[in-house]
Amino acid sequence: MAPDSTARRLATILAADVVGYSRLMALDEEATVRTLHAHREIIDRLIARHEGRIFHTAGDSVLAEFGSAVEAVRCAITIQDELRVRNAELDDDRRMLLRIGINIGDVIVDGDDLLGDGVNVAARLEGLAAPGGVCISGGTFEQVKNKLSIGFEDLGPQAVKNIPDPVAAYRLTGAPVSVSTPPSPADTTRRRRLPTGAVVAGAVAIALVVAGLLRGRQPAMPPATPVPETAVTAPLPSTARATPPPVPATPQAEVAAASPPSNSPPAATPRPAPKASPDHVSTQELTAAQIATLLTGVTLAGTRQKDGQPFTIELHAEGVASYAFPRGGAGSGTTFRASGRWRTEDGLFCMQFRGFNEGEEACPVFVREGRRISAMRPNGEPLDWSVTRASGTASAVAVPATVRSSDEMRAAEIATLVTGTTLRGTRLRDGRPFAIALEAGGKAAITVERPDRTPFHETGRWWSEDYRFCMRFATALMGKESCPRIVSDGERLALTRGDGTPLGWTLTRSGSAKVSDAQ
């Protein structure tokens, strides 16, 4: 008898689990289940969008497989960002936070399930993550460290349950690209000792005392050396420096009055500390709150490197942002728009959009000189962007008032526009006609005609975001997310691809005649 063969493969595993789920259930079971379902909709959608596959769920936990470590980490970051927005709408004691662990390793394939240490390590790393945070293995870190604009905290080798060898672990910090290592206990002890100047002064004093005793007389104690206050505390990191307030000029009369008499010994003049100019400050020197105050309401305008098209980015309140640029080619005369997020930390500003910087987070540095604000890359290279206040700033492209598209509409407006419509077209891969009914509540149903066979039926989902409409079915439309652009010209609706090229689809509204023909 031939031995049984075990199928194996290398995979990136994402493990997510709710923090304090039992406590939340004890408070209010029904509300907790509703929140969990709402969170799962976000999690499932983002895993699918990043080409992942959920292979196991148990109550409040999710296990997903990715073919790419980069996409797995991107997915985890996006999940935590979206859930942070969702949790902000809930009371503090009702917020549902996730921990996420990611590991790349060899796994055993058991039908649709995956088993083995590759999965178990991901689950253990999830336990090391902070609530609302992400923890990755050393192998995952090696795959993503030069590909994502994020920071990492090296936790060192971690002994975890039921894994024989320590596991190298890193926490995602969201800081600029860097790897920080926590100080050892010995380093911490050394930091708490007196600074070098104080130690030297004490040593000199002791030496003088000993010399006096040896000579048989009472030594004269040297004057105590004042230690500046900043010397007995660890210096703040560069990302947390706050700009000091300007020091008012001292009138000449006060200077004269404060001067010592001529027969007094001259006092030692302390070296003045370097003073930052209040008229020249960088976001690297500001706190998170100061950066938010500086940049809220700002519009950034520049030129896209890949096609030379001008773009605008508007930074709204509460971390909401919008990005726009005029399309070229077949979509000429229309505008691409996407909503995004911006965030601040001490010394750090970052923003992220679909279609900007290849979808990755960008963290430019801003410098204010008087009333002028300029932008540069983190390495100090200037960016050819203009920075102005949003009021009165025109959009990148103006379109006729009667013609609007889904990439100019908010999520609620898109949902109102498409609910109750049916999309009809033919599949590219086999030419079979299909119809997609978009029902209320994000439900979608597709029917594909098949010759000499009963039609194929499948249910799926559709959703709207600001400036975007999408739908997805597990099998139909090749199982991928489809995001056609909807153009509204008065009562007429039409469909195009995202780049503006026409789609041979028609739209009808339930119980009415055809709304539009193919363009």
Protein backbone atom coordinates (compact mmCIF):
# COMPACT_ATOMS: atom_id res chain seq x y z
CA MET A 1 0.00 0.00 0.00
CA ALA A 2 1.34 3.41 -0.99
CA PRO A 3 1.89 5.80 1.93
CA ASP A 4 -0.57 8.63 2.35
CA SER A 5 0.80 11.91 0.95
CA THR A 6 0.23 15.18 2.76
CA ALA A 7 -0.26 18.31 0.70
CA ARG A 8 1.76 21.27 1.93
CA ARG A 9 2.34 24.82 0.78
CA LEU A 10 3.87 28.08 1.91
CA ALA A 11 1.28 30.64 2.96
CA THR A 12 0.93 33.90 4.86
CA ILE A 13 -1.59 33.46 7.67
CA LEU A 14 -3.55 36.29 9.28
CA ALA A 15 -5.13 35.55 12.67
CA ALA A 16 -7.59 38.06 14.16
CA ASP A 17 -9.42 37.90 17.46
CA VAL A 18 -11.67 40.28 19.42
CA VAL A 19 -10.26 41.74 22.65
CA GLY A 20 -12.49 41.14 25.69
CA TYR A 21 -15.28 39.43 23.77
CA SER A 22 -16.61 37.63 26.85
CA ARG A 23 -16.85 40.93 28.74
CA LEU A 24 -18.78 42.51 25.87
CA MET A 25 -21.18 39.55 25.71
CA ALA A 26 -21.78 39.81 29.45
CA LEU A 27 -22.71 43.49 29.06
CA ASP A 28 -25.15 43.06 26.17
CA GLU A 29 -25.26 39.92 24.06
CA GLU A 30 -27.49 41.22 21.26
CA ALA A 31 -25.59 44.50 20.83
CA THR A 32 -22.27 42.63 20.84
CA VAL A 33 -23.44 40.22 18.14
CA ARG A 34 -24.66 43.14 16.01
CA THR A 35 -21.31 44.89 16.38
CA LEU A 36 -19.45 41.67 15.56
CA HIS A 37 -21.50 41.20 12.38
CA ALA A 38 -20.81 44.79 11.33
CA HIS A 39 -17.08 44.30 12.00
CA ARG A 40 -17.07 41.00 10.10
CA GLU A 41 -18.57 42.68 7.04
CA ILE A 42 -15.62 45.08 7.02
CA ILE A 43 -13.07 42.31 7.72
CA ASP A 44 -14.45 39.91 5.10
CA ARG A 45 -14.63 42.65 2.46
CA LEU A 46 -11.06 43.82 3.04
CA ILE A 47 -9.64 40.29 3.10
CA ALA A 48 -11.28 39.60 -0.27
CA ARG A 49 -10.08 42.94 -1.64
CA HIS A 50 -6.49 42.05 -0.74
CA GLU A 51 -6.85 38.64 -2.42
CA GLY A 52 -7.05 36.70 0.82
CA ARG A 53 -9.23 33.71 1.72
CA ILE A 54 -10.92 33.02 5.04
CA PHE A 55 -10.43 29.35 5.83
CA HIS A 56 -11.63 29.16 9.44
CA THR A 57 -13.82 31.13 11.83
CA ALA A 58 -14.80 30.40 15.41
CA GLY A 59 -17.01 32.87 17.24
CA ASP A 60 -15.02 36.10 17.40
CA SER A 61 -11.87 34.86 15.61
CA VAL A 62 -10.90 34.73 11.94
CA LEU A 63 -8.10 32.87 10.15
CA ALA A 64 -7.26 33.93 6.58
CA GLU A 65 -4.68 32.85 3.99
CA PHE A 66 -2.81 35.20 1.64
CA GLY A 67 -0.45 34.47 -1.21
CA SER A 68 1.47 37.69 -0.50
CA ALA A 69 2.91 38.80 2.84
CA VAL A 70 2.74 42.44 1.68
CA GLU A 71 -0.99 42.17 0.92
CA ALA A 72 -1.62 40.46 4.26
CA VAL A 73 0.05 43.31 6.17
CA ARG A 74 -1.71 45.93 4.05
CA CYS A 75 -5.00 44.20 4.76
CA ALA A 76 -4.33 44.15 8.52
CA ILE A 77 -3.49 47.86 8.56
CA THR A 78 -6.62 48.73 6.58
CA ILE A 79 -8.81 46.56 8.82
CA GLN A 80 -7.55 48.31 11.96
CA ASP A 81 -7.96 51.74 10.33
CA GLU A 82 -11.56 51.07 9.27
CA LEU A 83 -12.51 49.50 12.58
CA ARG A 84 -11.02 52.50 14.37
CA VAL A 85 -13.47 54.72 12.49
CA ARG A 86 -16.33 52.30 13.19
CA ASN A 87 -15.48 52.09 16.91
CA ALA A 88 -15.40 55.87 17.21
CA GLU A 89 -19.18 55.79 16.76
CA LEU A 90 -19.63 53.49 19.79
CA ASP A 91 -19.49 54.19 23.51
CA ASP A 92 -16.10 53.55 25.11
CA ASP A 93 -17.26 50.40 26.93
CA ARG A 94 -18.89 49.00 23.77
CA ARG A 95 -15.95 49.37 21.41
CA MET A 96 -14.81 46.12 19.84
CA LEU A 97 -11.04 46.06 19.23
CA LEU A 98 -9.11 43.41 17.36
CA ARG A 99 -5.65 41.99 17.76
CA ILE A 100 -4.06 40.71 14.55
CA GLY A 101 -1.08 38.37 14.13
CA ILE A 102 0.60 37.52 10.81
CA ASN A 103 3.04 34.71 10.05
CA ILE A 104 4.50 33.26 6.88
CA GLY A 105 5.19 29.54 7.09
CA ASP A 106 4.64 26.04 5.81
CA VAL A 107 1.09 24.71 6.31
CA ILE A 108 -0.75 21.43 5.81
CA VAL A 109 -3.71 21.53 3.43
CA ASP A 110 -6.77 19.67 4.78
CA GLY A 111 -9.56 20.31 2.29
CA ASP A 112 -10.43 23.99 2.64
CA ASP A 113 -8.73 24.14 6.04
CA LEU A 114 -5.07 24.78 6.84
CA LEU A 115 -3.17 23.26 9.76
CA GLY A 116 0.29 23.25 11.27
CA ASP A 117 2.76 25.52 13.05
CA GLY A 118 2.45 28.13 10.32
CA VAL A 119 -1.10 28.71 11.53
CA ASN A 120 -0.36 28.27 15.24
CA VAL A 121 2.42 30.87 15.24
CA ALA A 122 0.09 33.44 13.65
CA ALA A 123 -2.41 32.79 16.45
CA ARG A 124 0.30 33.23 19.12
CA LEU A 125 1.49 36.49 17.52
CA GLU A 126 -2.07 37.78 17.65
CA GLY A 127 -1.88 37.44 21.43
CA LEU A 128 1.27 39.62 21.48
CA ALA A 129 -0.37 42.46 19.55
CA ALA A 130 -1.77 45.48 21.35
CA PRO A 131 -5.55 45.99 21.20
CA GLY A 132 -6.19 47.56 17.81
CA GLY A 133 -2.66 46.62 16.71
CA VAL A 134 -0.77 44.17 14.51
CA CYS A 135 2.15 41.85 15.36
CA ILE A 136 4.12 40.00 12.66
CA SER A 137 6.74 37.27 12.67
CA GLY A 138 10.39 37.72 11.75
CA GLY A 139 9.85 35.90 8.45
CA THR A 140 7.00 38.24 7.56
CA PHE A 141 9.12 41.24 8.54
CA GLU A 142 11.86 40.17 6.12
CA GLN A 143 9.30 40.07 3.31
CA VAL A 144 7.73 43.50 3.93
CA LYS A 145 10.40 45.66 5.61
CA ASN A 146 11.45 47.45 2.40
CA LYS A 147 8.06 47.46 0.71
CA LEU A 148 5.74 49.33 3.09
CA SER A 149 5.97 52.86 4.52
CA ILE A 150 5.45 51.80 8.12
CA GLY A 151 7.55 51.41 11.26
CA PHE A 152 8.30 48.30 13.27
CA GLU A 153 9.09 47.67 16.93
CA ASP A 154 11.42 44.71 17.41
CA LEU A 155 10.08 42.70 20.35
CA GLY A 156 12.94 40.21 20.16
CA PRO A 157 12.52 36.41 20.42
CA GLN A 158 9.27 35.52 22.17
CA ALA A 159 8.54 32.23 23.95
CA VAL A 160 4.97 31.29 23.03
CA LYS A 161 2.72 28.43 24.07
CA ASN A 162 3.20 25.06 22.36
CA ILE A 163 5.90 26.36 19.99
CA PRO A 164 9.28 24.79 20.92
CA ASP A 165 11.57 27.59 19.65
CA PRO A 166 11.29 31.32 20.41
CA VAL A 167 9.53 33.32 17.71
CA ALA A 168 10.97 36.61 16.40
CA ALA A 169 8.20 39.21 16.68
CA TYR A 170 7.65 42.77 15.47
CA ARG A 171 4.84 45.20 16.25
CA LEU A 172 3.65 47.62 13.58
CA THR A 173 3.96 51.17 14.88
CA GLY A 174 2.70 53.34 12.02
CA ALA A 175 5.79 55.52 12.43
CA PRO A 176 8.07 56.46 9.53
CA VAL A 177 10.05 53.58 8.09
CA SER A 178 12.31 52.43 10.91
CA VAL A 179 12.98 49.54 13.24
CA SER A 180 13.19 50.31 16.93
CA THR A 181 14.50 47.90 19.55
CA PRO A 182 13.22 48.21 23.15
CA PRO A 183 15.97 49.06 25.69
CA SER A 184 17.35 46.27 27.83
CA PRO A 185 16.96 46.48 31.63
CA ALA A 186 20.66 47.40 31.89
CA ASP A 187 20.19 50.30 29.46
CA THR A 188 17.20 51.52 31.43
CA THR A 189 19.21 51.43 34.67
CA ARG A 190 22.04 53.39 33.10
CA ARG A 191 19.61 56.05 31.82
CA ARG A 192 18.35 56.69 35.34
CA ARG A 193 21.82 57.48 36.74
CA LEU A 194 23.13 61.01 37.04
CA PRO A 195 24.40 62.53 33.80
CA THR A 196 28.09 62.61 33.01
CA GLY A 197 28.59 66.22 34.12
CA ALA A 198 27.14 65.57 37.56
CA VAL A 199 29.18 62.37 37.98
CA VAL A 200 32.42 64.15 37.09
CA ALA A 201 31.65 67.04 39.48
CA GLY A 202 30.94 64.57 42.28
CA ALA A 203 34.16 62.68 41.60
CA VAL A 204 36.18 65.92 41.73
CA ALA A 205 34.54 66.89 45.04
CA ILE A 206 35.34 63.51 46.59
CA ALA A 207 38.94 63.73 45.41
CA LEU A 208 39.35 67.16 47.05
CA VAL A 209 37.87 65.92 50.34
CA VAL A 210 40.23 62.94 50.43
CA ALA A 211 43.24 65.18 49.67
CA GLY A 212 42.31 67.55 52.50
CA LEU A 213 41.98 64.74 55.01
CA LEU A 214 45.37 63.40 54.03
CA ARG A 215 46.89 66.85 54.68
CA GLY A 216 45.20 67.00 58.11
CA ARG A 217 42.99 70.03 57.51
CA GLN A 218 39.37 70.69 56.71
CA PRO A 219 39.03 70.97 52.97
CA ALA A 220 37.23 73.85 51.32
CA MET A 221 34.29 72.39 49.42
CA PRO A 222 34.08 73.49 45.80
CA PRO A 223 30.94 75.30 44.75
CA ALA A 224 28.22 72.98 43.58
CA THR A 225 28.02 72.75 39.83
CA PRO A 226 24.47 73.48 38.73
CA VAL A 227 23.05 70.79 36.48
CA PRO A 228 20.58 72.02 33.89
CA GLU A 229 17.14 70.55 34.24
CA THR A 230 17.33 69.06 30.76
CA ALA A 231 20.37 67.06 31.78
CA VAL A 232 18.59 64.91 34.34
CA THR A 233 15.85 63.77 32.02
CA ALA A 234 16.20 61.73 28.88
CA PRO A 235 15.91 63.94 25.79
CA LEU A 236 12.63 63.80 23.91
CA PRO A 237 12.69 61.89 20.62
CA SER A 238 12.84 64.05 17.52
CA THR A 239 9.27 63.17 16.67
CA ALA A 240 7.97 64.69 19.89
CA ARG A 241 9.74 68.05 20.03
CA ALA A 242 7.42 70.97 20.53
CA THR A 243 8.36 74.45 19.33
CA PRO A 244 9.12 76.71 22.32
CA PRO A 245 7.21 79.99 22.57
CA PRO A 246 9.09 83.11 21.45
CA VAL A 247 11.07 84.85 24.19
CA PRO A 248 10.18 88.58 24.45
CA ALA A 249 13.05 91.02 24.11
CA THR A 250 14.26 92.41 27.47
CA PRO A 251 14.35 96.25 27.66
CA GLN A 252 17.84 97.73 28.03
CA ALA A 253 16.95 99.36 31.37
CA GLU A 254 15.99 96.03 32.85
CA VAL A 255 19.25 94.52 31.65
CA ALA A 256 21.21 97.29 33.33
CA ALA A 257 19.26 96.95 36.57
CA ALA A 258 19.80 93.22 36.62
CA SER A 259 23.56 93.51 36.04
CA PRO A 260 25.83 92.93 39.12
CA PRO A 261 27.81 95.88 40.62
CA SER A 262 31.24 96.48 39.20
CA ASN A 263 32.96 95.33 42.45
CA SER A 264 31.16 92.01 42.41
CA PRO A 265 32.89 89.00 40.91
CA PRO A 266 31.65 88.24 37.43
CA ALA A 267 28.97 85.56 37.43
CA ALA A 268 29.34 82.60 35.14
CA THR A 269 27.23 83.16 32.06
CA PRO A 270 25.22 80.03 31.24
CA ARG A 271 25.35 78.95 27.62
CA PRO A 272 21.98 79.76 26.06
CA ALA A 273 20.04 76.82 24.75
CA PRO A 274 19.39 76.81 20.99
CA LYS A 275 16.07 78.45 20.29
CA ALA A 276 13.79 77.40 17.45
CA SER A 277 12.27 80.24 15.49
CA PRO A 278 8.49 80.45 15.84
CA ASP A 279 8.38 81.53 12.18
CA HIS A 280 10.10 78.36 10.93
CA VAL A 281 8.76 75.02 12.14
CA SER A 282 8.53 71.51 10.70
CA THR A 283 5.88 68.88 11.33
CA GLN A 284 8.74 66.72 12.60
CA GLU A 285 8.98 69.14 15.57
CA LEU A 286 5.26 69.29 16.40
CA THR A 287 2.90 67.17 18.44
CA ALA A 288 0.08 65.26 16.80
CA ALA A 289 -2.47 67.89 17.89
CA GLN A 290 -0.33 70.75 16.54
CA ILE A 291 0.06 69.02 13.17
CA ALA A 292 -3.70 68.47 12.94
CA THR A 293 -4.33 72.15 13.70
CA LEU A 294 -1.78 73.22 11.09
CA LEU A 295 -3.05 71.02 8.24
CA THR A 296 -6.82 70.73 8.72
CA GLY A 297 -8.49 72.59 5.85
CA VAL A 298 -5.36 72.58 3.66
CA THR A 299 -5.40 71.77 -0.07
CA LEU A 300 -2.33 70.22 -1.70
CA ALA A 301 -1.85 70.64 -5.45
CA GLY A 302 0.83 68.95 -7.53
CA THR A 303 1.52 66.91 -10.66
CA ARG A 304 1.35 63.14 -10.98
CA GLN A 305 4.71 61.71 -12.01
CA LYS A 306 3.40 58.89 -14.17
CA ASP A 307 1.14 60.91 -16.49
CA GLY A 308 1.81 64.59 -15.76
CA GLN A 309 -1.80 65.22 -14.76
CA PRO A 310 -2.44 67.82 -12.02
CA PHE A 311 -3.96 66.55 -8.78
CA THR A 312 -5.49 68.04 -5.66
CA ILE A 313 -5.73 66.63 -2.15
CA GLU A 314 -8.04 68.24 0.40
CA LEU A 315 -7.49 67.53 4.10
CA HIS A 316 -10.81 67.80 5.90
CA ALA A 317 -11.53 67.64 9.63
CA GLU A 318 -11.59 64.35 11.57
CA GLY A 319 -8.91 62.75 9.39
CA VAL A 320 -11.06 62.67 6.22
CA ALA A 321 -9.41 63.55 2.90
CA SER A 322 -10.25 63.59 -0.81
CA TYR A 323 -8.04 63.12 -3.86
CA ALA A 324 -8.83 64.14 -7.45
CA PHE A 325 -7.15 64.36 -10.85
CA PRO A 326 -8.40 64.70 -14.46
CA ARG A 327 -8.38 61.51 -16.51
CA GLY A 328 -6.64 61.29 -19.86
CA GLY A 329 -7.13 59.05 -22.87
CA ALA A 330 -10.59 57.54 -23.27
CA GLY A 331 -11.72 59.15 -20.01
CA SER A 332 -10.58 62.65 -21.04
CA GLY A 333 -12.88 65.34 -19.69
CA THR A 334 -13.79 63.36 -16.55
CA THR A 335 -12.32 63.41 -13.07
CA PHE A 336 -11.04 60.55 -10.93
CA ARG A 337 -11.95 61.05 -7.28
CA ALA A 338 -11.22 58.95 -4.21
CA SER A 339 -11.81 59.44 -0.52
CA GLY A 340 -9.02 58.64 1.89
CA ARG A 341 -7.70 59.19 5.39
CA TRP A 342 -4.95 61.24 6.98
CA ARG A 343 -3.51 60.80 10.44
CA THR A 344 -1.00 62.40 12.76
CA GLU A 345 1.39 61.27 15.46
CA ASP A 346 3.98 63.32 17.31
CA GLY A 347 6.35 64.42 14.56
CA LEU A 348 4.48 62.53 11.82
CA PHE A 349 1.80 63.19 9.20
CA CYS A 350 0.56 60.45 6.83
CA MET A 351 -2.21 60.05 4.24
CA GLN A 352 -3.49 57.22 2.06
CA PHE A 353 -5.75 57.05 -1.02
CA ARG A 354 -6.75 54.66 -3.73
CA GLY A 355 -4.89 55.68 -6.88
CA PHE A 356 -2.24 57.78 -5.08
CA ASN A 357 1.30 56.51 -4.37
CA GLU A 358 0.15 53.08 -5.63
CA GLY A 359 -2.31 52.91 -2.76
CA GLU A 360 0.43 52.95 -0.13
CA GLU A 361 0.59 55.40 2.76
CA ALA A 362 2.61 58.56 2.06
CA CYS A 363 4.19 60.58 4.88
CA PRO A 364 5.48 63.94 3.56
CA VAL A 365 7.01 66.58 5.83
CA PHE A 366 5.58 70.11 5.93
CA VAL A 367 7.54 73.22 6.88
CA ARG A 368 5.85 76.47 7.90
CA GLU A 369 7.78 79.68 7.33
CA GLY A 370 5.62 82.56 8.51
CA ARG A 371 2.34 82.03 6.66
CA ARG A 372 3.86 79.93 3.90
CA ILE A 373 3.75 76.11 4.08
CA SER A 374 5.93 73.96 1.84
CA ALA A 375 6.18 70.18 1.45
CA MET A 376 9.15 67.82 1.20
CA ARG A 377 9.94 64.14 1.29
CA PRO A 378 11.09 62.61 4.61
CA ASN A 379 14.70 62.70 3.30
CA GLY A 380 14.49 66.50 2.89
CA GLU A 381 14.04 66.54 -0.90
CA PRO A 382 11.56 69.31 -1.83
CA LEU A 383 8.17 68.40 -3.32
CA ASP A 384 6.80 70.65 -6.05
CA TRP A 385 3.42 71.01 -4.36
CA SER A 386 1.49 74.12 -3.51
CA VAL A 387 -0.12 74.22 -0.08
CA THR A 388 -3.13 76.50 0.40
CA ARG A 389 -6.26 76.70 2.49
CA ALA A 390 -9.18 74.80 0.96
CA SER A 391 -11.64 77.70 0.91
CA GLY A 392 -12.05 79.00 -2.59
CA THR A 393 -9.85 76.32 -4.17
CA ALA A 394 -11.18 74.96 -7.43
CA SER A 395 -11.34 71.24 -8.16
CA ALA A 396 -8.84 69.71 -10.53
CA VAL A 397 -11.40 69.61 -13.35
CA ALA A 398 -14.81 71.18 -13.70
CA VAL A 399 -17.54 69.10 -15.35
CA PRO A 400 -20.92 70.19 -16.64
CA ALA A 401 -23.45 70.57 -13.84
CA THR A 402 -25.95 68.25 -15.54
CA VAL A 403 -23.44 65.38 -15.85
CA ARG A 404 -22.22 63.62 -12.72
CA SER A 405 -20.49 60.34 -12.13
CA SER A 406 -20.20 58.00 -9.16
CA ASP A 407 -16.62 59.15 -8.58
CA GLU A 408 -18.02 62.59 -7.69
CA MET A 409 -20.69 61.32 -5.29
CA ARG A 410 -20.71 60.41 -1.63
CA ALA A 411 -21.50 56.85 -0.57
CA ALA A 412 -25.12 57.57 0.40
CA GLU A 413 -25.84 59.28 -2.92
CA ILE A 414 -24.43 56.37 -4.90
CA ALA A 415 -26.50 53.90 -2.86
CA THR A 416 -29.68 55.86 -3.58
CA LEU A 417 -28.81 55.98 -7.29
CA VAL A 418 -28.19 52.23 -7.79
CA THR A 419 -30.66 50.58 -5.40
CA GLY A 420 -33.39 48.87 -7.40
CA THR A 421 -31.50 48.88 -10.71
CA THR A 422 -30.54 45.92 -12.91
CA LEU A 423 -27.32 45.80 -14.90
CA ARG A 424 -27.27 43.76 -18.11
CA GLY A 425 -24.33 42.78 -20.28
CA THR A 426 -22.29 39.88 -21.65
CA ARG A 427 -19.33 38.15 -20.05
CA LEU A 428 -16.01 38.70 -21.82
CA ARG A 429 -14.70 35.19 -21.26
CA ASP A 430 -17.60 33.30 -22.88
CA GLY A 431 -20.01 35.89 -24.31
CA ARG A 432 -22.89 34.70 -22.13
CA PRO A 433 -25.50 37.33 -21.24
CA PHE A 434 -26.01 38.18 -17.58
CA ALA A 435 -28.24 40.33 -15.42
CA ILE A 436 -27.35 41.72 -12.00
CA ALA A 437 -30.12 42.92 -9.68
CA LEU A 438 -28.98 45.45 -7.05
CA GLU A 439 -31.32 45.20 -4.09
CA ALA A 440 -31.61 47.24 -0.91
CA GLY A 441 -29.19 46.53 1.93
CA GLY A 442 -26.24 45.75 -0.35
CA LYS A 443 -27.69 42.49 -1.68
CA ALA A 444 -26.95 41.52 -5.27
CA ALA A 445 -28.13 38.62 -7.41
CA ILE A 446 -26.67 37.58 -10.76
CA THR A 447 -28.22 35.35 -13.42
CA VAL A 448 -26.06 34.03 -16.28
CA GLU A 449 -27.71 32.43 -19.30
CA ARG A 450 -26.32 29.04 -20.35
CA PRO A 451 -27.27 27.29 -23.63
CA ASP A 452 -29.18 24.01 -23.18
CA ARG A 453 -28.85 24.28 -19.40
CA THR A 454 -30.68 26.01 -16.63
CA PRO A 455 -29.42 29.56 -15.96
CA PHE A 456 -26.71 30.01 -13.35
CA HIS A 457 -27.83 31.95 -10.24
CA GLU A 458 -25.64 33.36 -7.49
CA THR A 459 -26.05 35.88 -4.70
CA GLY A 460 -23.36 38.41 -3.85
CA ARG A 461 -22.84 41.89 -2.43
CA TRP A 462 -22.59 45.44 -3.61
CA TRP A 463 -21.42 48.43 -1.63
CA SER A 464 -20.73 52.10 -2.06
CA GLU A 465 -17.92 54.22 -0.73
CA ASP A 466 -17.34 57.89 -1.25
CA TYR A 467 -16.70 58.22 -5.01
CA ARG A 468 -16.89 54.49 -5.63
CA PHE A 469 -19.40 51.70 -6.40
CA CYS A 470 -18.37 48.01 -6.27
CA MET A 471 -19.88 44.52 -6.34
CA ARG A 472 -18.54 41.02 -5.90
CA PHE A 473 -19.65 37.44 -6.45
CA ALA A 474 -17.70 34.35 -5.37
CA THR A 475 -17.88 32.70 -8.81
CA ALA A 476 -19.47 34.97 -11.41
CA LEU A 477 -17.46 37.78 -13.04
CA MET A 478 -14.38 35.59 -12.42
CA GLY A 479 -14.86 35.98 -8.66
CA LYS A 480 -13.20 39.40 -8.61
CA GLU A 481 -14.34 42.73 -7.28
CA SER A 482 -15.94 44.79 -10.06
CA CYS A 483 -16.16 48.58 -9.69
CA PRO A 484 -17.77 50.13 -12.78
CA ARG A 485 -18.20 53.89 -12.97
CA ILE A 486 -21.79 55.14 -13.19
CA VAL A 487 -22.47 58.33 -15.13
CA SER A 488 -25.67 60.26 -14.53
CA ASP A 489 -26.79 62.73 -17.23
CA GLY A 490 -30.14 63.98 -15.99
CA GLU A 491 -32.46 60.95 -16.15
CA ARG A 492 -30.01 58.94 -18.20
CA LEU A 493 -27.57 56.50 -16.57
CA ALA A 494 -24.61 54.89 -18.29
CA LEU A 495 -21.69 52.68 -17.29
CA THR A 496 -17.98 52.99 -18.02
CA ARG A 497 -14.83 51.36 -16.76
CA GLY A 498 -12.80 53.11 -14.09
CA ASP A 499 -10.61 54.76 -16.74
CA GLY A 500 -13.66 56.17 -18.56
CA THR A 501 -13.85 53.68 -21.47
CA PRO A 502 -17.43 52.55 -22.23
CA LEU A 503 -18.90 49.26 -21.02
CA GLY A 504 -21.43 47.47 -23.20
CA TRP A 505 -23.89 47.27 -20.30
CA THR A 506 -27.37 48.70 -19.88
CA LEU A 507 -29.22 49.76 -16.74
CA THR A 508 -32.91 49.33 -16.00
CA ARG A 509 -34.85 50.23 -12.92
CA SER A 510 -37.25 47.67 -11.46
CA GLY A 511 -40.72 48.00 -12.96
CA SER A 512 -39.68 50.59 -15.57
CA ALA A 513 -38.30 50.81 -19.07
CA LYS A 514 -34.65 50.81 -19.95
CA VAL A 515 -32.73 53.67 -18.38
CA SER A 516 -29.74 53.76 -20.70
CA ASP A 517 -28.12 52.10 -23.68
CA ALA A 518 -24.54 51.10 -24.08
CA GLN A 519 -22.28 53.99 -24.98
